[in-house]
Structures are given as structure tokens and as C-alpha cells.
Amino acid sequence: MIKVHRLDGKDFYLNANLIETVEAVPDTLITLTTGRRLFVQETVSEVVGLATGFFAKVANHEWIGREP
């Protein structure tokens, strides 16, 4: 899960496995594999970095026994 912020500033955790596309339109739009679309405050690069970091931690088992 990655922590992102809605356009109103409220944070939420997103299942990174569900991300299909991330684009700037000009706000950052995340489209999920379910078809749901979410606008977030983070830039495209930030979302990609968060997702990449999440997958790296999972691959290295760094998430075991830790809070998000």
C-alpha cells in the first residue's frame, strides 16, 4: 500500500498492485485495474516512486512486522 493525498488534502492508502496508469491531466490521475479513477496531489513521478519503492520493499521482505 502507498500513502497518497486526495486533492482536498485527505490522505489514504492505495493498493499499488491495482495501479494501471498514472498521468498528468494536469492534476495527477491514477487509473486502477478496476476502472476506478483517482485524482491525487502527488506528481506522476512521486506516485511512480512510491509504487516502485513499495515493490522493492516487498521483494526484499522489508515490510514484515512494520507499520505502513
PDB file of N, CA and C in Angstrom:
ATOM      1  N   MET A   1       0.846  -1.175   0.000  1.00  0.00           N
ATOM      2  CA  MET A   1       0.000   0.000   0.000  1.00  0.00           C
ATOM      3  C   MET A   1       0.895   1.243   0.000  1.00  0.00           C
ATOM      4  N   ILE A   2       0.446   2.258  -0.717  1.00  0.00           N
ATOM      5  CA  ILE A   2       1.173   3.528  -0.730  1.00  0.00           C
ATOM      6  C   ILE A   2       0.247   4.632  -0.218  1.00  0.00           C
ATOM      7  N   LYS A   3       0.830   5.587   0.480  1.00  0.00           N
ATOM      8  CA  LYS A   3       0.060   6.699   1.031  1.00  0.00           C
ATOM      9  C   LYS A   3       0.079   7.856   0.036  1.00  0.00           C
ATOM     10  N   VAL A   4      -1.112   8.294  -0.366  1.00  0.00           N
ATOM     11  CA  VAL A   4      -1.258   9.428  -1.273  1.00  0.00           C
ATOM     12  C   VAL A   4      -2.319  10.368  -0.705  1.00  0.00           C
ATOM     13  N   HIS A   5      -2.484  11.522  -1.322  1.00  0.00           N
ATOM     14  CA  HIS A   5      -3.408  12.541  -0.825  1.00  0.00           C
ATOM     15  C   HIS A   5      -4.406  12.940  -1.906  1.00  0.00           C
ATOM     16  N   ARG A   6      -5.671  12.966  -1.523  1.00  0.00           N
ATOM     17  CA  ARG A   6      -6.708  13.455  -2.435  1.00  0.00           C
ATOM     18  C   ARG A   6      -6.479  14.946  -2.686  1.00  0.00           C
ATOM     19  N   LEU A   7      -7.141  15.499  -3.660  1.00  0.00           N
ATOM     20  CA  LEU A   7      -6.970  16.916  -3.973  1.00  0.00           C
ATOM     21  C   LEU A   7      -7.402  17.810  -2.816  1.00  0.00           C
ATOM     22  N   ASP A   8      -8.298  17.308  -1.940  1.00  0.00           N
ATOM     23  CA  ASP A   8      -8.723  18.093  -0.773  1.00  0.00           C
ATOM     24  C   ASP A   8      -7.746  17.977   0.394  1.00  0.00           C
ATOM     25  N   GLY A   9      -6.646  17.231   0.203  1.00  0.00           N
ATOM     26  CA  GLY A   9      -5.613  17.106   1.221  1.00  0.00           C
ATOM     27  C   GLY A   9      -5.731  15.893   2.120  1.00  0.00           C
ATOM     28  N   LYS A  10      -6.845  15.185   2.069  1.00  0.00           N
ATOM     29  CA  LYS A  10      -7.020  13.997   2.909  1.00  0.00           C
ATOM     30  C   LYS A  10      -6.155  12.865   2.372  1.00  0.00           C
ATOM     31  N   ASP A  11      -5.462  12.188   3.293  1.00  0.00           N
ATOM     32  CA  ASP A  11      -4.596  11.092   2.857  1.00  0.00           C
ATOM     33  C   ASP A  11      -5.352   9.766   2.887  1.00  0.00           C
ATOM     34  N   PHE A  12      -4.885   8.831   2.078  1.00  0.00           N
ATOM     35  CA  PHE A  12      -5.435   7.479   2.069  1.00  0.00           C
ATOM     36  C   PHE A  12      -4.370   6.532   1.541  1.00  0.00           C
ATOM     37  N   TYR A  13      -4.579   5.255   1.799  1.00  0.00           N
ATOM     38  CA  TYR A  13      -3.640   4.236   1.335  1.00  0.00           C
ATOM     39  C   TYR A  13      -4.236   3.533   0.124  1.00  0.00           C
ATOM     40  N   LEU A  14      -3.413   3.388  -0.892  1.00  0.00           N
ATOM     41  CA  LEU A  14      -3.831   2.805  -2.159  1.00  0.00           C
ATOM     42  C   LEU A  14      -3.075   1.509  -2.401  1.00  0.00           C
ATOM     43  N   ASN A  15      -3.782   0.487  -2.812  1.00  0.00           N
ATOM     44  CA  ASN A  15      -3.156  -0.785  -3.155  1.00  0.00           C
ATOM     45  C   ASN A  15      -2.378  -0.596  -4.459  1.00  0.00           C
ATOM     46  N   ALA A  16      -1.061  -0.568  -4.356  1.00  0.00           N
ATOM     47  CA  ALA A  16      -0.210  -0.314  -5.525  1.00  0.00           C
ATOM     48  C   ALA A  16      -0.356  -1.387  -6.598  1.00  0.00           C
ATOM     49  N   ASN A  17      -0.803  -2.569  -6.218  1.00  0.00           N
ATOM     50  CA  ASN A  17      -0.998  -3.643  -7.195  1.00  0.00           C
ATOM     51  C   ASN A  17      -2.135  -3.341  -8.168  1.00  0.00           C
ATOM     52  N   LEU A  18      -3.004  -2.406  -7.807  1.00  0.00           N
ATOM     53  CA  LEU A  18      -4.152  -2.091  -8.657  1.00  0.00           C
ATOM     54  C   LEU A  18      -3.899  -0.947  -9.636  1.00  0.00           C
ATOM     55  N   ILE A  19      -2.725  -0.321  -9.560  1.00  0.00           N
ATOM     56  CA  ILE A  19      -2.435   0.812 -10.448  1.00  0.00           C
ATOM     57  C   ILE A  19      -2.197   0.311 -11.873  1.00  0.00           C
ATOM     58  N   GLU A  20      -2.985   0.845 -12.798  1.00  0.00           N
ATOM     59  CA  GLU A  20      -2.807   0.509 -14.214  1.00  0.00           C
ATOM     60  C   GLU A  20      -2.052   1.623 -14.932  1.00  0.00           C
ATOM     61  N   THR A  21      -2.503   2.874 -14.749  1.00  0.00           N
ATOM     62  CA  THR A  21      -1.817   4.003 -15.374  1.00  0.00           C
ATOM     63  C   THR A  21      -1.779   5.188 -14.415  1.00  0.00           C
ATOM     64  N   VAL A  22      -0.783   6.059 -14.637  1.00  0.00           N
ATOM     65  CA  VAL A  22      -0.662   7.319 -13.897  1.00  0.00           C
ATOM     66  C   VAL A  22      -0.345   8.386 -14.935  1.00  0.00           C
ATOM     67  N   GLU A  23      -1.131   9.466 -14.936  1.00  0.00           N
ATOM     68  CA  GLU A  23      -0.905  10.514 -15.925  1.00  0.00           C
ATOM     69  C   GLU A  23      -1.232  11.887 -15.343  1.00  0.00           C
ATOM     70  N   ALA A  24      -0.660  12.921 -15.928  1.00  0.00           N
ATOM     71  CA  ALA A  24      -0.929  14.298 -15.532  1.00  0.00           C
ATOM     72  C   ALA A  24      -1.911  14.902 -16.523  1.00  0.00           C
ATOM     73  N   VAL A  25      -3.054  15.420 -16.006  1.00  0.00           N
ATOM     74  CA  VAL A  25      -4.100  15.923 -16.913  1.00  0.00           C
ATOM     75  C   VAL A  25      -4.734  17.262 -16.523  1.00  0.00           C
ATOM     76  N   PRO A  26      -4.243  18.281 -15.916  1.00  0.00           N
ATOM     77  CA  PRO A  26      -2.907  18.453 -15.377  1.00  0.00           C
ATOM     78  C   PRO A  26      -2.732  17.867 -13.979  1.00  0.00           C
ATOM     79  N   ASP A  27      -3.842  17.689 -13.202  1.00  0.00           N
ATOM     80  CA  ASP A  27      -3.690  17.007 -11.915  1.00  0.00           C
ATOM     81  C   ASP A  27      -3.317  15.557 -12.184  1.00  0.00           C
ATOM     82  N   THR A  28      -2.732  14.911 -11.196  1.00  0.00           N
ATOM     83  CA  THR A  28      -2.314  13.520 -11.378  1.00  0.00           C
ATOM     84  C   THR A  28      -3.521  12.604 -11.275  1.00  0.00           C
ATOM     85  N   LEU A  29      -3.732  11.821 -12.304  1.00  0.00           N
ATOM     86  CA  LEU A  29      -4.839  10.875 -12.382  1.00  0.00           C
ATOM     87  C   LEU A  29      -4.284   9.460 -12.338  1.00  0.00           C
ATOM     88  N   ILE A  30      -4.749   8.686 -11.357  1.00  0.00           N
ATOM     89  CA  ILE A  30      -4.381   7.272 -11.254  1.00  0.00           C
ATOM     90  C   ILE A  30      -5.588   6.466 -11.703  1.00  0.00           C
ATOM     91  N   THR A  31      -5.400   5.615 -12.694  1.00  0.00           N
ATOM     92  CA  THR A  31      -6.455   4.712 -13.130  1.00  0.00           C
ATOM     93  C   THR A  31      -6.104   3.324 -12.625  1.00  0.00           C
ATOM     94  N   LEU A  32      -7.079   2.687 -11.978  1.00  0.00           N
ATOM     95  CA  LEU A  32      -6.866   1.359 -11.410  1.00  0.00           C
ATOM     96  C   LEU A  32      -7.314   0.276 -12.379  1.00  0.00           C
ATOM     97  N   THR A  33      -6.865  -0.928 -12.145  1.00  0.00           N
ATOM     98  CA  THR A  33      -7.248  -2.060 -12.992  1.00  0.00           C
ATOM     99  C   THR A  33      -8.745  -2.329 -12.914  1.00  0.00           C
ATOM    100  N   THR A  34      -9.406  -1.808 -11.890  1.00  0.00           N
ATOM    101  CA  THR A  34     -10.852  -1.964 -11.727  1.00  0.00           C
ATOM    102  C   THR A  34     -11.634  -0.960 -12.568  1.00  0.00           C
ATOM    103  N   GLY A  35     -10.911   0.026 -13.152  1.00  0.00           N
ATOM    104  CA  GLY A  35     -11.558   1.080 -13.914  1.00  0.00           C
ATOM    105  C   GLY A  35     -11.782   2.347 -13.105  1.00  0.00           C
ATOM    106  N   ARG A  36     -11.639   2.257 -11.798  1.00  0.00           N
ATOM    107  CA  ARG A  36     -11.808   3.435 -10.940  1.00  0.00           C
ATOM    108  C   ARG A  36     -10.693   4.432 -11.224  1.00  0.00           C
ATOM    109  N   ARG A  37     -11.039   5.725 -11.162  1.00  0.00           N
ATOM    110  CA  ARG A  37     -10.066   6.787 -11.427  1.00  0.00           C
ATOM    111  C   ARG A  37      -9.962   7.670 -10.193  1.00  0.00           C
ATOM    112  N   LEU A  38      -8.727   7.994  -9.797  1.00  0.00           N
ATOM    113  CA  LEU A  38      -8.476   8.788  -8.600  1.00  0.00           C
ATOM    114  C   LEU A  38      -7.544   9.946  -8.926  1.00  0.00           C
ATOM    115  N   PHE A  39      -7.907  11.147  -8.491  1.00  0.00           N
ATOM    116  CA  PHE A  39      -7.024  12.302  -8.624  1.00  0.00           C
ATOM    117  C   PHE A  39      -6.291  12.496  -7.305  1.00  0.00           C
ATOM    118  N   VAL A  40      -4.984  12.718  -7.376  1.00  0.00           N
ATOM    119  CA  VAL A  40      -4.169  12.884  -6.171  1.00  0.00           C
ATOM    120  C   VAL A  40      -3.272  14.113  -6.300  1.00  0.00           C
ATOM    121  N   GLN A  41      -2.772  14.594  -5.136  1.00  0.00           N
ATOM    122  CA  GLN A  41      -1.886  15.761  -5.105  1.00  0.00           C
ATOM    123  C   GLN A  41      -0.482  15.442  -5.591  1.00  0.00           C
ATOM    124  N   GLU A  42      -0.030  14.221  -5.387  1.00  0.00           N
ATOM    125  CA  GLU A  42       1.333  13.843  -5.759  1.00  0.00           C
ATOM    126  C   GLU A  42       1.520  13.942  -7.271  1.00  0.00           C
ATOM    127  N   THR A  43       2.753  14.210  -7.681  1.00  0.00           N
ATOM    128  CA  THR A  43       3.066  14.243  -9.112  1.00  0.00           C
ATOM    129  C   THR A  43       3.143  12.813  -9.648  1.00  0.00           C
ATOM    130  N   VAL A  44       3.145  12.699 -10.968  1.00  0.00           N
ATOM    131  CA  VAL A  44       3.301  11.384 -11.591  1.00  0.00           C
ATOM    132  C   VAL A  44       4.593  10.728 -11.107  1.00  0.00           C
ATOM    133  N   SER A  45       5.678  11.490 -11.093  1.00  0.00           N
ATOM    134  CA  SER A  45       6.970  10.948 -10.649  1.00  0.00           C
ATOM    135  C   SER A  45       6.919  10.474  -9.205  1.00  0.00           C
ATOM    136  N   GLU A  46       6.225  11.215  -8.353  1.00  0.00           N
ATOM    137  CA  GLU A  46       6.111  10.812  -6.949  1.00  0.00           C
ATOM    138  C   GLU A  46       5.325   9.517  -6.804  1.00  0.00           C
ATOM    139  N   VAL A  47       4.222   9.391  -7.536  1.00  0.00           N
ATOM    140  CA  VAL A  47       3.418   8.164  -7.464  1.00  0.00           C
ATOM    141  C   VAL A  47       4.230   6.974  -7.964  1.00  0.00           C
ATOM    142  N   VAL A  48       4.924   7.154  -9.074  1.00  0.00           N
ATOM    143  CA  VAL A  48       5.765   6.076  -9.608  1.00  0.00           C
ATOM    144  C   VAL A  48       6.846   5.707  -8.593  1.00  0.00           C
ATOM    145  N   GLY A  49       7.459   6.704  -7.969  1.00  0.00           N
ATOM    146  CA  GLY A  49       8.481   6.448  -6.961  1.00  0.00           C
ATOM    147  C   GLY A  49       7.934   5.710  -5.750  1.00  0.00           C
ATOM    148  N   LEU A  50       6.745   6.106  -5.292  1.00  0.00           N
ATOM    149  CA  LEU A  50       6.120   5.423  -4.159  1.00  0.00           C
ATOM    150  C   LEU A  50       5.820   3.966  -4.498  1.00  0.00           C
ATOM    151  N   ALA A  51       5.261   3.730  -5.687  1.00  0.00           N
ATOM    152  CA  ALA A  51       4.929   2.362  -6.092  1.00  0.00           C
ATOM    153  C   ALA A  51       6.190   1.524  -6.269  1.00  0.00           C
ATOM    154  N   THR A  52       7.199   2.090  -6.904  1.00  0.00           N
ATOM    155  CA  THR A  52       8.463   1.374  -7.097  1.00  0.00           C
ATOM    156  C   THR A  52       9.099   1.041  -5.757  1.00  0.00           C
ATOM    157  N   GLY A  53       9.088   1.995  -4.837  1.00  0.00           N
ATOM    158  CA  GLY A  53       9.628   1.763  -3.502  1.00  0.00           C
ATOM    159  C   GLY A  53       8.869   0.682  -2.760  1.00  0.00           C
ATOM    160  N   PHE A  54       7.548   0.694  -2.898  1.00  0.00           N
ATOM    161  CA  PHE A  54       6.720  -0.333  -2.268  1.00  0.00           C
ATOM    162  C   PHE A  54       7.093  -1.718  -2.780  1.00  0.00           C
ATOM    163  N   PHE A  55       7.184  -1.862  -4.099  1.00  0.00           N
ATOM    164  CA  PHE A  55       7.502  -3.171  -4.669  1.00  0.00           C
ATOM    165  C   PHE A  55       8.911  -3.622  -4.300  1.00  0.00           C
ATOM    166  N   ALA A  56       9.845  -2.691  -4.188  1.00  0.00           N
ATOM    167  CA  ALA A  56      11.210  -3.036  -3.764  1.00  0.00           C
ATOM    168  C   ALA A  56      11.209  -3.550  -2.331  1.00  0.00           C
ATOM    169  N   LYS A  57      10.431  -2.900  -1.453  1.00  0.00           N
ATOM    170  CA  LYS A  57      10.347  -3.351  -0.061  1.00  0.00           C
ATOM    171  C   LYS A  57       9.724  -4.738   0.026  1.00  0.00           C
ATOM    172  N   VAL A  58       8.683  -4.972  -0.762  1.00  0.00           N
ATOM    173  CA  VAL A  58       8.041  -6.289  -0.760  1.00  0.00           C
ATOM    174  C   VAL A  58       9.025  -7.347  -1.242  1.00  0.00           C
ATOM    175  N   ALA A  59       9.760  -7.052  -2.300  1.00  0.00           N
ATOM    176  CA  ALA A  59      10.724  -8.017  -2.847  1.00  0.00           C
ATOM    177  C   ALA A  59      11.825  -8.336  -1.847  1.00  0.00           C
ATOM    178  N   ASN A  60      12.169  -7.356  -1.001  1.00  0.00           N
ATOM    179  CA  ASN A  60      13.229  -7.549  -0.006  1.00  0.00           C
ATOM    180  C   ASN A  60      12.684  -7.944   1.358  1.00  0.00           C
ATOM    181  N   HIS A  61      11.376  -8.183   1.439  1.00  0.00           N
ATOM    182  CA  HIS A  61      10.711  -8.579   2.685  1.00  0.00           C
ATOM    183  C   HIS A  61      10.900  -7.554   3.793  1.00  0.00           C
ATOM    184  N   GLU A  62      11.048  -6.280   3.451  1.00  0.00           N
ATOM    185  CA  GLU A  62      11.249  -5.222   4.439  1.00  0.00           C
ATOM    186  C   GLU A  62       9.961  -4.834   5.146  1.00  0.00           C
ATOM    187  N   TRP A  63       8.818  -5.270   4.654  1.00  0.00           N
ATOM    188  CA  TRP A  63       7.533  -4.885   5.213  1.00  0.00           C
ATOM    189  C   TRP A  63       7.119  -5.754   6.385  1.00  0.00           C
ATOM    190  N   ILE A  64       7.763  -6.869   6.592  1.00  0.00           N
ATOM    191  CA  ILE A  64       7.338  -7.828   7.614  1.00  0.00           C
ATOM    192  C   ILE A  64       7.428  -7.203   9.004  1.00  0.00           C
ATOM    193  N   GLY A  65       6.305  -7.195   9.706  1.00  0.00           N
ATOM    194  CA  GLY A  65       6.254  -6.719  11.081  1.00  0.00           C
ATOM    195  C   GLY A  65       6.346  -5.224  11.259  1.00  0.00           C
ATOM    196  N   ARG A  66       6.112  -4.455  10.199  1.00  0.00           N
ATOM    197  CA  ARG A  66       6.207  -2.996  10.293  1.00  0.00           C
ATOM    198  C   ARG A  66       4.885  -2.348   9.931  1.00  0.00           C
ATOM    199  N   GLU A  67       4.684  -1.187  10.514  1.00  0.00           N
ATOM    200  CA  GLU A  67       3.520  -0.376  10.162  1.00  0.00           C
ATOM    201  C   GLU A  67       3.769   0.256   8.793  1.00  0.00           C
ATOM    202  N   PRO A  68       2.695   0.627   8.070  1.00  0.00           N
ATOM    203  CA  PRO A  68       2.885   1.256   6.749  1.00  0.00           C
ATOM    204  C   PRO A  68       3.614   2.572   6.820  1.00  0.00           C
TER     205      PRO A  68
END
